[in-house]
Amino acid sequence: MWYSIKQSLLPFIYLIFTAITAFGIMAIENMVWLQILLNTLNVALYVVIITAASYKDGQAALKVRLANDLEREQIIRTGEMRPLRLKEEYKPWKGFLYGGIACAPLIILLIIHTILVSINPTLIGAGAIASFIYLMIYAYVAFLGVIPGPYTHYLTLLAVPVIVLSVGIPYILGAKKVELQQERIREKHRKIYGDNK
């Protein structure tokens, strides 16, 4: 579990940077179109950075799985127990898990917010914290002139698909690239050595 939390730190840390940038964009007055444009670029930059990092993570994870497979073959051949790096090994769902963990603070804070607001509609502290951390999404509420209230904080949940897909899909695509490279290598070996090697 700790490895998964570590892998989700990058998407979460960059959320803080995008929140600070979005906060600065919100300070621009009387130019809603510019605010929307700049914040959209802010979100796009976040997605590009997270996508690139996750793509590389997928490649590295598949290489670990290939190395583990060689070790497993040795274990079967010799019976000798060999160390395997199972936590780092590629599984298609892991990228989505990492993105989901980066969204966990949002979901926890909104659950607390729901409980507090059901007791007293003025207790919006947990929702406000969630909206600040995920401000790259919540900022659109301010730009579009929506009056903030206890229920507008739920719009921040739009960050969940953005983050989960930005981490999960590139993770799989990175692994697919390594699989294709391995297939090309196997094909070259077949051409050179025939089917026996």
N, C-alpha and C. Protein backbone atom coordinates (compact mmCIF):
# COMPACT_ATOMS: atom_id res chain seq x y z
N MET A 1 0.82 -1.20 0.00
CA MET A 1 0.00 0.00 0.00
C MET A 1 0.87 1.27 0.00
N TRP A 2 1.98 1.22 0.77
CA TRP A 2 2.84 2.41 0.83
C TRP A 2 3.43 2.74 -0.53
N TYR A 3 3.73 1.71 -1.31
CA TYR A 3 4.26 1.95 -2.65
C TYR A 3 3.23 2.68 -3.50
N SER A 4 1.97 2.27 -3.41
CA SER A 4 0.90 2.92 -4.17
C SER A 4 0.72 4.38 -3.75
N ILE A 5 0.82 4.63 -2.45
CA ILE A 5 0.71 6.01 -1.95
C ILE A 5 1.87 6.84 -2.49
N LYS A 6 3.07 6.25 -2.48
CA LYS A 6 4.25 6.96 -3.01
C LYS A 6 4.07 7.30 -4.48
N GLN A 7 3.50 6.37 -5.25
CA GLN A 7 3.29 6.60 -6.68
C GLN A 7 2.24 7.67 -6.94
N SER A 8 1.34 7.89 -5.99
CA SER A 8 0.29 8.89 -6.17
C SER A 8 0.71 10.27 -5.67
N LEU A 9 1.91 10.38 -5.09
CA LEU A 9 2.37 11.67 -4.56
C LEU A 9 2.56 12.72 -5.65
N LEU A 10 3.13 12.32 -6.78
CA LEU A 10 3.38 13.29 -7.86
C LEU A 10 2.09 13.95 -8.34
N PRO A 11 1.04 13.17 -8.68
CA PRO A 11 -0.21 13.83 -9.08
C PRO A 11 -0.77 14.75 -8.00
N PHE A 12 -0.61 14.35 -6.73
CA PHE A 12 -1.15 15.18 -5.65
C PHE A 12 -0.32 16.44 -5.45
N ILE A 13 1.01 16.33 -5.47
CA ILE A 13 1.87 17.50 -5.28
C ILE A 13 1.64 18.53 -6.39
N TYR A 14 1.50 18.05 -7.62
CA TYR A 14 1.24 18.98 -8.72
C TYR A 14 -0.13 19.64 -8.60
N LEU A 15 -1.06 19.00 -7.89
CA LEU A 15 -2.35 19.64 -7.61
C LEU A 15 -2.15 20.92 -6.81
N ILE A 16 -1.24 20.87 -5.86
CA ILE A 16 -0.97 22.06 -5.03
C ILE A 16 -0.41 23.18 -5.90
N PHE A 17 0.51 22.85 -6.81
CA PHE A 17 1.06 23.88 -7.71
C PHE A 17 -0.03 24.47 -8.61
N THR A 18 -0.89 23.60 -9.14
CA THR A 18 -1.96 24.12 -10.00
C THR A 18 -2.97 24.93 -9.19
N ALA A 19 -3.17 24.58 -7.92
CA ALA A 19 -4.07 25.35 -7.07
C ALA A 19 -3.53 26.76 -6.84
N ILE A 20 -2.22 26.85 -6.61
CA ILE A 20 -1.59 28.17 -6.41
C ILE A 20 -1.70 28.99 -7.68
N THR A 21 -1.46 28.34 -8.83
CA THR A 21 -1.58 29.04 -10.11
C THR A 21 -3.02 29.49 -10.35
N ALA A 22 -3.98 28.61 -10.07
CA ALA A 22 -5.41 28.95 -10.24
C ALA A 22 -5.80 30.10 -9.33
N PHE A 23 -5.25 30.12 -8.12
CA PHE A 23 -5.53 31.20 -7.18
C PHE A 23 -5.05 32.54 -7.75
N GLY A 24 -3.84 32.51 -8.35
CA GLY A 24 -3.33 33.72 -9.00
C GLY A 24 -4.20 34.15 -10.17
N ILE A 25 -4.67 33.18 -10.94
CA ILE A 25 -5.53 33.49 -12.09
C ILE A 25 -6.85 34.12 -11.62
N MET A 26 -7.35 33.66 -10.48
CA MET A 26 -8.60 34.21 -9.94
C MET A 26 -8.46 35.68 -9.55
N ALA A 27 -7.22 36.12 -9.33
CA ALA A 27 -7.00 37.52 -8.95
C ALA A 27 -7.16 38.48 -10.12
N ILE A 28 -7.16 37.96 -11.34
CA ILE A 28 -7.37 38.81 -12.52
C ILE A 28 -8.81 39.30 -12.49
N GLU A 29 -8.98 40.60 -12.68
CA GLU A 29 -10.33 41.16 -12.58
C GLU A 29 -10.87 41.54 -13.95
N ASN A 30 -12.19 41.41 -14.10
CA ASN A 30 -12.94 41.89 -15.26
C ASN A 30 -12.51 41.26 -16.59
N MET A 31 -11.89 40.09 -16.56
CA MET A 31 -11.52 39.41 -17.80
C MET A 31 -11.79 37.92 -17.64
N VAL A 32 -13.06 37.57 -17.64
CA VAL A 32 -13.46 36.18 -17.43
C VAL A 32 -12.88 35.29 -18.52
N TRP A 33 -12.89 35.75 -19.76
CA TRP A 33 -12.38 34.94 -20.87
C TRP A 33 -10.90 34.61 -20.66
N LEU A 34 -10.13 35.57 -20.13
CA LEU A 34 -8.71 35.34 -19.89
C LEU A 34 -8.53 34.36 -18.73
N GLN A 35 -9.35 34.51 -17.69
CA GLN A 35 -9.28 33.59 -16.55
C GLN A 35 -9.55 32.15 -17.01
N ILE A 36 -10.61 31.98 -17.81
CA ILE A 36 -10.97 30.64 -18.29
C ILE A 36 -9.85 30.08 -19.16
N LEU A 37 -9.32 30.91 -20.05
CA LEU A 37 -8.24 30.47 -20.93
C LEU A 37 -7.01 30.05 -20.13
N LEU A 38 -6.58 30.90 -19.20
CA LEU A 38 -5.38 30.61 -18.42
C LEU A 38 -5.57 29.39 -17.53
N ASN A 39 -6.75 29.25 -16.94
CA ASN A 39 -6.97 28.08 -16.08
C ASN A 39 -7.07 26.80 -16.91
N THR A 40 -7.62 26.90 -18.12
CA THR A 40 -7.65 25.73 -19.00
C THR A 40 -6.23 25.32 -19.36
N LEU A 41 -5.35 26.29 -19.61
CA LEU A 41 -3.93 25.98 -19.85
C LEU A 41 -3.28 25.39 -18.60
N ASN A 42 -3.68 25.88 -17.44
CA ASN A 42 -3.19 25.35 -16.16
C ASN A 42 -3.56 23.87 -16.02
N VAL A 43 -4.83 23.55 -16.31
CA VAL A 43 -5.28 22.15 -16.24
C VAL A 43 -4.56 21.32 -17.29
N ALA A 44 -4.41 21.86 -18.50
CA ALA A 44 -3.72 21.14 -19.58
C ALA A 44 -2.27 20.84 -19.20
N LEU A 45 -1.59 21.80 -18.59
CA LEU A 45 -0.21 21.58 -18.16
C LEU A 45 -0.15 20.47 -17.12
N TYR A 46 -1.09 20.49 -16.18
CA TYR A 46 -1.17 19.43 -15.16
C TYR A 46 -1.31 18.07 -15.84
N VAL A 47 -2.25 17.98 -16.79
CA VAL A 47 -2.52 16.71 -17.47
C VAL A 47 -1.28 16.25 -18.24
N VAL A 48 -0.58 17.17 -18.91
CA VAL A 48 0.62 16.81 -19.68
C VAL A 48 1.71 16.27 -18.75
N ILE A 49 1.96 16.94 -17.64
CA ILE A 49 3.00 16.52 -16.70
C ILE A 49 2.67 15.15 -16.11
N ILE A 50 1.42 14.99 -15.67
CA ILE A 50 1.02 13.74 -15.03
C ILE A 50 1.00 12.60 -16.05
N THR A 51 0.55 12.91 -17.26
CA THR A 51 0.51 11.90 -18.32
C THR A 51 1.92 11.41 -18.65
N ALA A 52 2.86 12.34 -18.79
CA ALA A 52 4.24 11.96 -19.11
C ALA A 52 4.85 11.10 -18.00
N ALA A 53 4.63 11.50 -16.76
CA ALA A 53 5.18 10.74 -15.63
C ALA A 53 4.55 9.35 -15.55
N SER A 54 3.25 9.27 -15.75
CA SER A 54 2.56 7.99 -15.66
C SER A 54 2.95 7.06 -16.82
N TYR A 55 3.18 7.63 -17.99
CA TYR A 55 3.62 6.86 -19.15
C TYR A 55 4.95 6.17 -18.85
N LYS A 56 5.88 6.93 -18.26
CA LYS A 56 7.19 6.37 -17.89
C LYS A 56 7.04 5.32 -16.79
N ASP A 57 6.12 5.58 -15.83
CA ASP A 57 5.88 4.60 -14.77
C ASP A 57 5.36 3.29 -15.34
N GLY A 58 4.47 3.37 -16.34
CA GLY A 58 3.96 2.16 -16.97
C GLY A 58 5.06 1.37 -17.66
N GLN A 59 5.96 2.08 -18.34
CA GLN A 59 7.10 1.42 -18.99
C GLN A 59 7.98 0.71 -17.96
N ALA A 60 8.31 1.44 -16.90
CA ALA A 60 9.18 0.88 -15.86
C ALA A 60 8.52 -0.32 -15.19
N ALA A 61 7.22 -0.23 -14.94
CA ALA A 61 6.50 -1.32 -14.27
C ALA A 61 6.47 -2.58 -15.13
N LEU A 62 6.30 -2.41 -16.44
CA LEU A 62 6.28 -3.60 -17.31
C LEU A 62 7.67 -4.22 -17.38
N LYS A 63 8.71 -3.40 -17.39
CA LYS A 63 10.08 -3.94 -17.38
C LYS A 63 10.33 -4.75 -16.11
N VAL A 64 9.77 -4.28 -14.99
CA VAL A 64 9.89 -5.03 -13.73
C VAL A 64 9.16 -6.37 -13.87
N ARG A 65 7.97 -6.35 -14.49
CA ARG A 65 7.24 -7.61 -14.66
C ARG A 65 8.02 -8.59 -15.55
N LEU A 66 8.64 -8.08 -16.61
CA LEU A 66 9.44 -8.94 -17.48
C LEU A 66 10.63 -9.54 -16.72
N ALA A 67 11.28 -8.71 -15.90
CA ALA A 67 12.39 -9.21 -15.08
C ALA A 67 11.90 -10.25 -14.08
N ASN A 68 10.74 -9.99 -13.47
CA ASN A 68 10.15 -10.97 -12.54
C ASN A 68 9.81 -12.28 -13.24
N ASP A 69 9.33 -12.18 -14.49
CA ASP A 69 9.01 -13.40 -15.24
C ASP A 69 10.24 -14.26 -15.46
N LEU A 70 11.38 -13.60 -15.75
CA LEU A 70 12.64 -14.35 -15.89
C LEU A 70 13.02 -15.02 -14.57
N GLU A 71 12.83 -14.30 -13.48
CA GLU A 71 13.12 -14.88 -12.16
C GLU A 71 12.19 -16.05 -11.87
N ARG A 72 10.92 -15.93 -12.25
CA ARG A 72 9.96 -17.03 -12.04
C ARG A 72 10.38 -18.28 -12.82
N GLU A 73 10.86 -18.06 -14.04
CA GLU A 73 11.34 -19.20 -14.84
C GLU A 73 12.49 -19.90 -14.13
N GLN A 74 13.40 -19.10 -13.55
CA GLN A 74 14.53 -19.68 -12.80
C GLN A 74 14.04 -20.45 -11.58
N ILE A 75 13.04 -19.91 -10.92
CA ILE A 75 12.49 -20.59 -9.74
C ILE A 75 11.91 -21.94 -10.14
N ILE A 76 11.17 -21.97 -11.26
CA ILE A 76 10.58 -23.22 -11.73
C ILE A 76 11.66 -24.22 -12.13
N ARG A 77 12.69 -23.73 -12.84
CA ARG A 77 13.78 -24.61 -13.31
C ARG A 77 14.61 -25.18 -12.16
N THR A 78 14.98 -24.30 -11.24
CA THR A 78 15.94 -24.71 -10.21
C THR A 78 15.30 -25.01 -8.86
N GLY A 79 14.11 -24.49 -8.62
CA GLY A 79 13.49 -24.66 -7.30
C GLY A 79 14.04 -23.69 -6.26
N GLU A 80 15.02 -22.90 -6.66
CA GLU A 80 15.63 -21.92 -5.75
C GLU A 80 14.72 -20.69 -5.64
N MET A 81 14.44 -20.27 -4.42
CA MET A 81 13.61 -19.07 -4.24
C MET A 81 14.44 -17.83 -4.57
N ARG A 82 13.89 -16.99 -5.42
CA ARG A 82 14.59 -15.78 -5.84
C ARG A 82 13.70 -14.59 -5.52
N PRO A 83 14.33 -13.43 -5.24
CA PRO A 83 13.52 -12.26 -4.88
C PRO A 83 12.76 -11.71 -6.09
N LEU A 84 11.51 -11.35 -5.86
CA LEU A 84 10.67 -10.74 -6.89
C LEU A 84 10.22 -9.37 -6.41
N ARG A 85 10.18 -8.42 -7.33
CA ARG A 85 9.72 -7.05 -7.00
C ARG A 85 8.23 -6.95 -7.36
N LEU A 86 7.39 -7.51 -6.50
CA LEU A 86 5.96 -7.60 -6.80
C LEU A 86 5.24 -6.26 -6.71
N LYS A 87 5.65 -5.41 -5.77
CA LYS A 87 4.97 -4.11 -5.61
C LYS A 87 5.12 -3.24 -6.85
N GLU A 88 6.29 -3.32 -7.48
CA GLU A 88 6.57 -2.47 -8.64
C GLU A 88 6.08 -3.07 -9.94
N GLU A 89 5.63 -4.32 -9.90
CA GLU A 89 5.26 -5.04 -11.11
C GLU A 89 4.00 -4.45 -11.76
N TYR A 90 3.97 -4.45 -13.08
CA TYR A 90 2.86 -3.89 -13.84
C TYR A 90 1.59 -4.72 -13.71
N LYS A 91 0.50 -4.02 -13.43
CA LYS A 91 -0.86 -4.54 -13.52
C LYS A 91 -1.68 -3.41 -14.12
N PRO A 92 -2.55 -3.67 -15.09
CA PRO A 92 -3.25 -2.59 -15.79
C PRO A 92 -4.04 -1.65 -14.87
N TRP A 93 -4.57 -2.16 -13.78
CA TRP A 93 -5.40 -1.34 -12.88
C TRP A 93 -4.59 -0.43 -11.97
N LYS A 94 -3.29 -0.65 -11.86
CA LYS A 94 -2.50 0.12 -10.90
C LYS A 94 -2.46 1.61 -11.21
N GLY A 95 -2.40 1.98 -12.49
CA GLY A 95 -2.40 3.40 -12.83
C GLY A 95 -3.66 4.10 -12.34
N PHE A 96 -4.81 3.44 -12.50
CA PHE A 96 -6.07 4.01 -12.04
C PHE A 96 -6.10 4.09 -10.52
N LEU A 97 -5.49 3.10 -9.86
CA LEU A 97 -5.39 3.13 -8.40
C LEU A 97 -4.58 4.34 -7.94
N TYR A 98 -3.44 4.57 -8.60
CA TYR A 98 -2.59 5.71 -8.22
C TYR A 98 -3.36 7.03 -8.37
N GLY A 99 -4.08 7.17 -9.47
CA GLY A 99 -4.90 8.37 -9.67
C GLY A 99 -6.01 8.47 -8.63
N GLY A 100 -6.60 7.33 -8.29
CA GLY A 100 -7.66 7.32 -7.27
C GLY A 100 -7.14 7.73 -5.90
N ILE A 101 -5.93 7.28 -5.57
CA ILE A 101 -5.34 7.67 -4.28
C ILE A 101 -5.08 9.17 -4.24
N ALA A 102 -4.68 9.75 -5.38
CA ALA A 102 -4.47 11.20 -5.44
C ALA A 102 -5.79 11.96 -5.23
N CYS A 103 -6.91 11.30 -5.51
CA CYS A 103 -8.23 11.92 -5.32
C CYS A 103 -8.83 11.61 -3.95
N ALA A 104 -8.21 10.71 -3.19
CA ALA A 104 -8.75 10.31 -1.88
C ALA A 104 -8.97 11.48 -0.93
N PRO A 105 -8.03 12.46 -0.83
CA PRO A 105 -8.30 13.59 0.07
C PRO A 105 -9.58 14.34 -0.30
N LEU A 106 -9.84 14.49 -1.60
CA LEU A 106 -11.05 15.16 -2.05
C LEU A 106 -12.29 14.42 -1.56
N ILE A 107 -12.30 13.12 -1.75
CA ILE A 107 -13.48 12.33 -1.37
C ILE A 107 -13.66 12.33 0.14
N ILE A 108 -12.57 12.17 0.89
CA ILE A 108 -12.66 12.19 2.36
C ILE A 108 -13.17 13.54 2.85
N LEU A 109 -12.60 14.63 2.31
CA LEU A 109 -13.03 15.97 2.73
C LEU A 109 -14.48 16.23 2.37
N LEU A 110 -14.93 15.74 1.22
CA LEU A 110 -16.33 15.97 0.84
C LEU A 110 -17.29 15.11 1.65
N ILE A 111 -16.84 13.95 2.11
CA ILE A 111 -17.68 13.16 3.03
C ILE A 111 -17.84 13.91 4.35
N ILE A 112 -16.72 14.44 4.86
CA ILE A 112 -16.77 15.24 6.10
C ILE A 112 -17.66 16.47 5.87
N HIS A 113 -17.50 17.11 4.72
CA HIS A 113 -18.29 18.29 4.37
C HIS A 113 -19.78 17.95 4.37
N THR A 114 -20.14 16.81 3.79
CA THR A 114 -21.54 16.39 3.74
C THR A 114 -22.12 16.21 5.14
N ILE A 115 -21.34 15.58 6.01
CA ILE A 115 -21.79 15.37 7.39
C ILE A 115 -21.98 16.71 8.09
N LEU A 116 -20.98 17.60 7.96
CA LEU A 116 -21.05 18.90 8.64
C LEU A 116 -22.18 19.77 8.10
N VAL A 117 -22.37 19.78 6.79
CA VAL A 117 -23.41 20.61 6.18
C VAL A 117 -24.80 20.09 6.55
N SER A 118 -24.93 18.76 6.72
CA SER A 118 -26.23 18.22 7.13
C SER A 118 -26.57 18.62 8.56
N ILE A 119 -25.53 18.88 9.37
CA ILE A 119 -25.76 19.36 10.73
C ILE A 119 -26.05 20.85 10.73
N ASN A 120 -25.19 21.59 9.99
CA ASN A 120 -25.33 23.05 9.93
C ASN A 120 -24.80 23.52 8.58
N PRO A 121 -25.68 24.09 7.71
CA PRO A 121 -25.25 24.50 6.36
C PRO A 121 -24.11 25.53 6.32
N THR A 122 -23.79 26.15 7.44
CA THR A 122 -22.70 27.13 7.43
C THR A 122 -21.33 26.50 7.69
N LEU A 123 -21.30 25.23 8.05
CA LEU A 123 -20.03 24.54 8.33
C LEU A 123 -19.45 24.01 7.03
N ILE A 124 -18.79 24.89 6.28
CA ILE A 124 -18.29 24.52 4.96
C ILE A 124 -16.76 24.43 4.90
N GLY A 125 -16.12 24.37 6.04
CA GLY A 125 -14.65 24.36 6.08
C GLY A 125 -14.02 23.21 5.32
N ALA A 126 -14.54 21.99 5.52
CA ALA A 126 -13.95 20.82 4.84
C ALA A 126 -14.14 20.94 3.33
N GLY A 127 -15.31 21.41 2.89
CA GLY A 127 -15.55 21.61 1.46
C GLY A 127 -14.65 22.68 0.88
N ALA A 128 -14.42 23.74 1.66
CA ALA A 128 -13.55 24.83 1.19
C ALA A 128 -12.11 24.35 1.04
N ILE A 129 -11.65 23.51 1.96
CA ILE A 129 -10.29 22.96 1.87
C ILE A 129 -10.17 22.07 0.62
N ALA A 130 -11.18 21.21 0.42
CA ALA A 130 -11.18 20.34 -0.77
C ALA A 130 -11.16 21.19 -2.04
N SER A 131 -11.97 22.23 -2.06
CA SER A 131 -12.06 23.08 -3.25
C SER A 131 -10.77 23.82 -3.50
N PHE A 132 -10.04 24.18 -2.42
CA PHE A 132 -8.77 24.86 -2.63
C PHE A 132 -7.72 23.90 -3.18
N ILE A 133 -7.63 22.69 -2.60
CA ILE A 133 -6.62 21.73 -3.07
C ILE A 133 -6.85 21.40 -4.54
N TYR A 134 -8.11 21.26 -4.93
CA TYR A 134 -8.47 20.91 -6.30
C TYR A 134 -9.00 22.14 -7.03
N LEU A 135 -8.36 23.28 -6.76
CA LEU A 135 -8.82 24.57 -7.27
C LEU A 135 -8.77 24.67 -8.80
N MET A 136 -7.91 23.87 -9.43
CA MET A 136 -7.84 23.93 -10.90
C MET A 136 -9.21 23.61 -11.51
N ILE A 137 -10.04 22.84 -10.80
CA ILE A 137 -11.39 22.53 -11.28
C ILE A 137 -12.40 23.49 -10.66
N TYR A 138 -12.29 23.71 -9.36
CA TYR A 138 -13.28 24.55 -8.68
C TYR A 138 -13.23 26.00 -9.14
N ALA A 139 -12.11 26.45 -9.65
CA ALA A 139 -11.97 27.84 -10.10
C ALA A 139 -13.01 28.21 -11.16
N TYR A 140 -13.43 27.23 -11.96
CA TYR A 140 -14.43 27.51 -13.00
C TYR A 140 -15.75 27.98 -12.40
N VAL A 141 -16.04 27.56 -11.16
CA VAL A 141 -17.25 28.02 -10.47
C VAL A 141 -17.20 29.53 -10.31
N ALA A 142 -16.03 30.03 -9.87
CA ALA A 142 -15.87 31.49 -9.69
C ALA A 142 -15.88 32.21 -11.03
N PHE A 143 -15.19 31.64 -12.03
CA PHE A 143 -15.10 32.30 -13.33
C PHE A 143 -16.47 32.45 -13.99
N LEU A 144 -17.31 31.45 -13.80
CA LEU A 144 -18.62 31.45 -14.45
C LEU A 144 -19.68 32.18 -13.64
N GLY A 145 -19.28 32.76 -12.52
CA GLY A 145 -20.19 33.59 -11.74
C GLY A 145 -21.18 32.82 -10.88
N VAL A 146 -20.92 31.53 -10.65
CA VAL A 146 -21.79 30.74 -9.78
C VAL A 146 -21.57 31.21 -8.35
N ILE A 147 -22.66 31.45 -7.65
CA ILE A 147 -22.54 31.91 -6.25
C ILE A 147 -22.11 30.74 -5.39
N PRO A 148 -20.96 30.85 -4.71
CA PRO A 148 -20.50 29.74 -3.88
C PRO A 148 -21.47 29.47 -2.74
N GLY A 149 -21.68 28.24 -2.49
CA GLY A 149 -22.56 27.81 -1.40
C GLY A 149 -22.12 26.45 -0.91
N PRO A 150 -22.85 25.90 0.04
CA PRO A 150 -22.42 24.61 0.60
C PRO A 150 -22.41 23.47 -0.41
N TYR A 151 -23.19 23.60 -1.49
CA TYR A 151 -23.28 22.49 -2.44
C TYR A 151 -22.43 22.69 -3.69
N THR A 152 -21.88 23.87 -3.88
CA THR A 152 -21.02 24.08 -5.06
C THR A 152 -19.70 23.34 -4.94
N HIS A 153 -19.31 23.00 -3.72
CA HIS A 153 -18.04 22.28 -3.51
C HIS A 153 -18.06 20.89 -4.16
N TYR A 154 -19.26 20.35 -4.36
CA TYR A 154 -19.35 19.02 -4.99
C TYR A 154 -18.94 19.06 -6.46
N LEU A 155 -18.92 20.24 -7.06
CA LEU A 155 -18.47 20.35 -8.45
C LEU A 155 -16.99 19.98 -8.58
N THR A 156 -16.28 20.05 -7.47
CA THR A 156 -14.87 19.68 -7.47
C THR A 156 -14.69 18.19 -7.79
N LEU A 157 -15.73 17.40 -7.63
CA LEU A 157 -15.65 15.97 -7.97
C LEU A 157 -15.32 15.74 -9.45
N LEU A 158 -15.47 16.78 -10.28
CA LEU A 158 -15.07 16.66 -11.68
C LEU A 158 -13.56 16.41 -11.81
N ALA A 159 -12.82 16.71 -10.75
CA ALA A 159 -11.37 16.45 -10.76
C ALA A 159 -11.09 14.95 -10.77
N VAL A 160 -12.00 14.14 -10.23
CA VAL A 160 -11.74 12.70 -10.13
C VAL A 160 -11.52 12.06 -11.50
N PRO A 161 -12.45 12.20 -12.47
CA PRO A 161 -12.15 11.58 -13.77
C PRO A 161 -10.93 12.18 -14.46
N VAL A 162 -10.72 13.49 -14.30
CA VAL A 162 -9.55 14.13 -14.93
C VAL A 162 -8.26 13.49 -14.42
N ILE A 163 -8.14 13.36 -13.10
CA ILE A 163 -6.91 12.84 -12.51
C ILE A 163 -6.76 11.34 -12.74
N VAL A 164 -7.83 10.58 -12.49
CA VAL A 164 -7.75 9.12 -12.62
C VAL A 164 -7.42 8.72 -14.06
N LEU A 165 -8.05 9.36 -15.03
CA LEU A 165 -7.77 9.02 -16.43
C LEU A 165 -6.40 9.52 -16.87
N SER A 166 -5.96 10.67 -16.34
CA SER A 166 -4.65 11.22 -16.70
C SER A 166 -3.51 10.36 -16.17
N VAL A 167 -3.79 9.57 -15.14
CA VAL A 167 -2.77 8.67 -14.61
C VAL A 167 -2.94 7.26 -15.18
N GLY A 168 -4.16 6.77 -15.21
CA GLY A 168 -4.41 5.38 -15.59
C GLY A 168 -4.16 5.04 -17.04
N ILE A 169 -4.66 5.87 -17.96
CA ILE A 169 -4.53 5.56 -19.39
C ILE A 169 -3.07 5.62 -19.85
N PRO A 170 -2.30 6.67 -19.51
CA PRO A 170 -0.89 6.68 -19.94
C PRO A 170 -0.07 5.54 -19.32
N TYR A 171 -0.43 5.13 -18.11
CA TYR A 171 0.26 4.01 -17.46
C TYR A 171 0.13 2.76 -18.33
N ILE A 172 -1.07 2.50 -18.81
CA ILE A 172 -1.31 1.34 -19.69
C ILE A 172 -0.59 1.53 -21.02
N LEU A 173 -0.66 2.73 -21.59
CA LEU A 173 -0.02 2.99 -22.89
C LEU A 173 1.50 2.85 -22.80
N GLY A 174 2.08 3.28 -21.69
CA GLY A 174 3.53 3.12 -21.49
C GLY A 174 3.92 1.65 -21.48
N ALA A 175 3.11 0.84 -20.80
CA ALA A 175 3.38 -0.60 -20.76
C ALA A 175 3.20 -1.22 -22.15
N LYS A 176 2.20 -0.75 -22.89
CA LYS A 176 1.96 -1.28 -24.24
C LYS A 176 3.16 -1.00 -25.15
N LYS A 177 3.79 0.17 -24.97
CA LYS A 177 4.96 0.49 -25.78
C LYS A 177 6.07 -0.53 -25.55
N VAL A 178 6.31 -0.86 -24.27
CA VAL A 178 7.35 -1.84 -23.95
C VAL A 178 6.97 -3.22 -24.50
N GLU A 179 5.67 -3.58 -24.41
CA GLU A 179 5.22 -4.86 -24.96
C GLU A 179 5.48 -4.92 -26.47
N LEU A 180 5.19 -3.83 -27.17
CA LEU A 180 5.45 -3.78 -28.62
C LEU A 180 6.94 -3.91 -28.92
N GLN A 181 7.78 -3.24 -28.12
CA GLN A 181 9.23 -3.35 -28.31
C GLN A 181 9.68 -4.80 -28.11
N GLN A 182 9.14 -5.45 -27.09
CA GLN A 182 9.50 -6.85 -26.81
C GLN A 182 9.05 -7.76 -27.95
N GLU A 183 7.86 -7.47 -28.47
CA GLU A 183 7.35 -8.28 -29.60
C GLU A 183 8.23 -8.12 -30.83
N ARG A 184 8.70 -6.89 -31.10
CA ARG A 184 9.61 -6.65 -32.23
C ARG A 184 10.92 -7.42 -32.05
N ILE A 185 11.43 -7.41 -30.84
CA ILE A 185 12.67 -8.15 -30.54
C ILE A 185 12.46 -9.64 -30.78
N ARG A 186 11.33 -10.18 -30.28
CA ARG A 186 11.04 -11.60 -30.48
C ARG A 186 10.89 -11.93 -31.96
N GLU A 187 10.27 -11.01 -32.71
CA GLU A 187 10.08 -11.22 -34.15
C GLU A 187 11.43 -11.26 -34.87
N LYS A 188 12.35 -10.35 -34.49
CA LYS A 188 13.69 -10.35 -35.10
C LYS A 188 14.42 -11.64 -34.78
N HIS A 189 14.30 -12.12 -33.53
CA HIS A 189 14.93 -13.38 -33.15
C HIS A 189 14.37 -14.54 -33.96
N ARG A 190 13.05 -14.53 -34.18
CA ARG A 190 12.44 -15.59 -34.99
C ARG A 190 12.97 -15.58 -36.42
N LYS A 191 13.13 -14.35 -36.96
CA LYS A 191 13.65 -14.24 -38.34
C LYS A 191 15.09 -14.71 -38.43
N ILE A 192 15.88 -14.38 -37.41
CA ILE A 192 17.30 -14.74 -37.44
C ILE A 192 17.52 -16.21 -37.10
N TYR A 193 16.88 -16.68 -36.02
CA TYR A 193 17.16 -18.01 -35.50
C TYR A 193 16.10 -19.05 -35.82
N GLY A 194 14.95 -18.59 -36.33
CA GLY A 194 13.85 -19.52 -36.57
C GLY A 194 13.03 -19.70 -35.32
N ASP A 195 12.08 -20.60 -35.34
CA ASP A 195 11.15 -20.78 -34.22
C ASP A 195 11.74 -21.54 -33.05
N ASN A 196 12.93 -22.11 -33.21
CA ASN A 196 13.50 -22.93 -32.13
C ASN A 196 14.12 -22.10 -31.01
N LYS A 197 14.42 -20.82 -31.27
CA LYS A 197 15.12 -20.02 -30.26
C LYS A 197 14.16 -19.06 -29.61
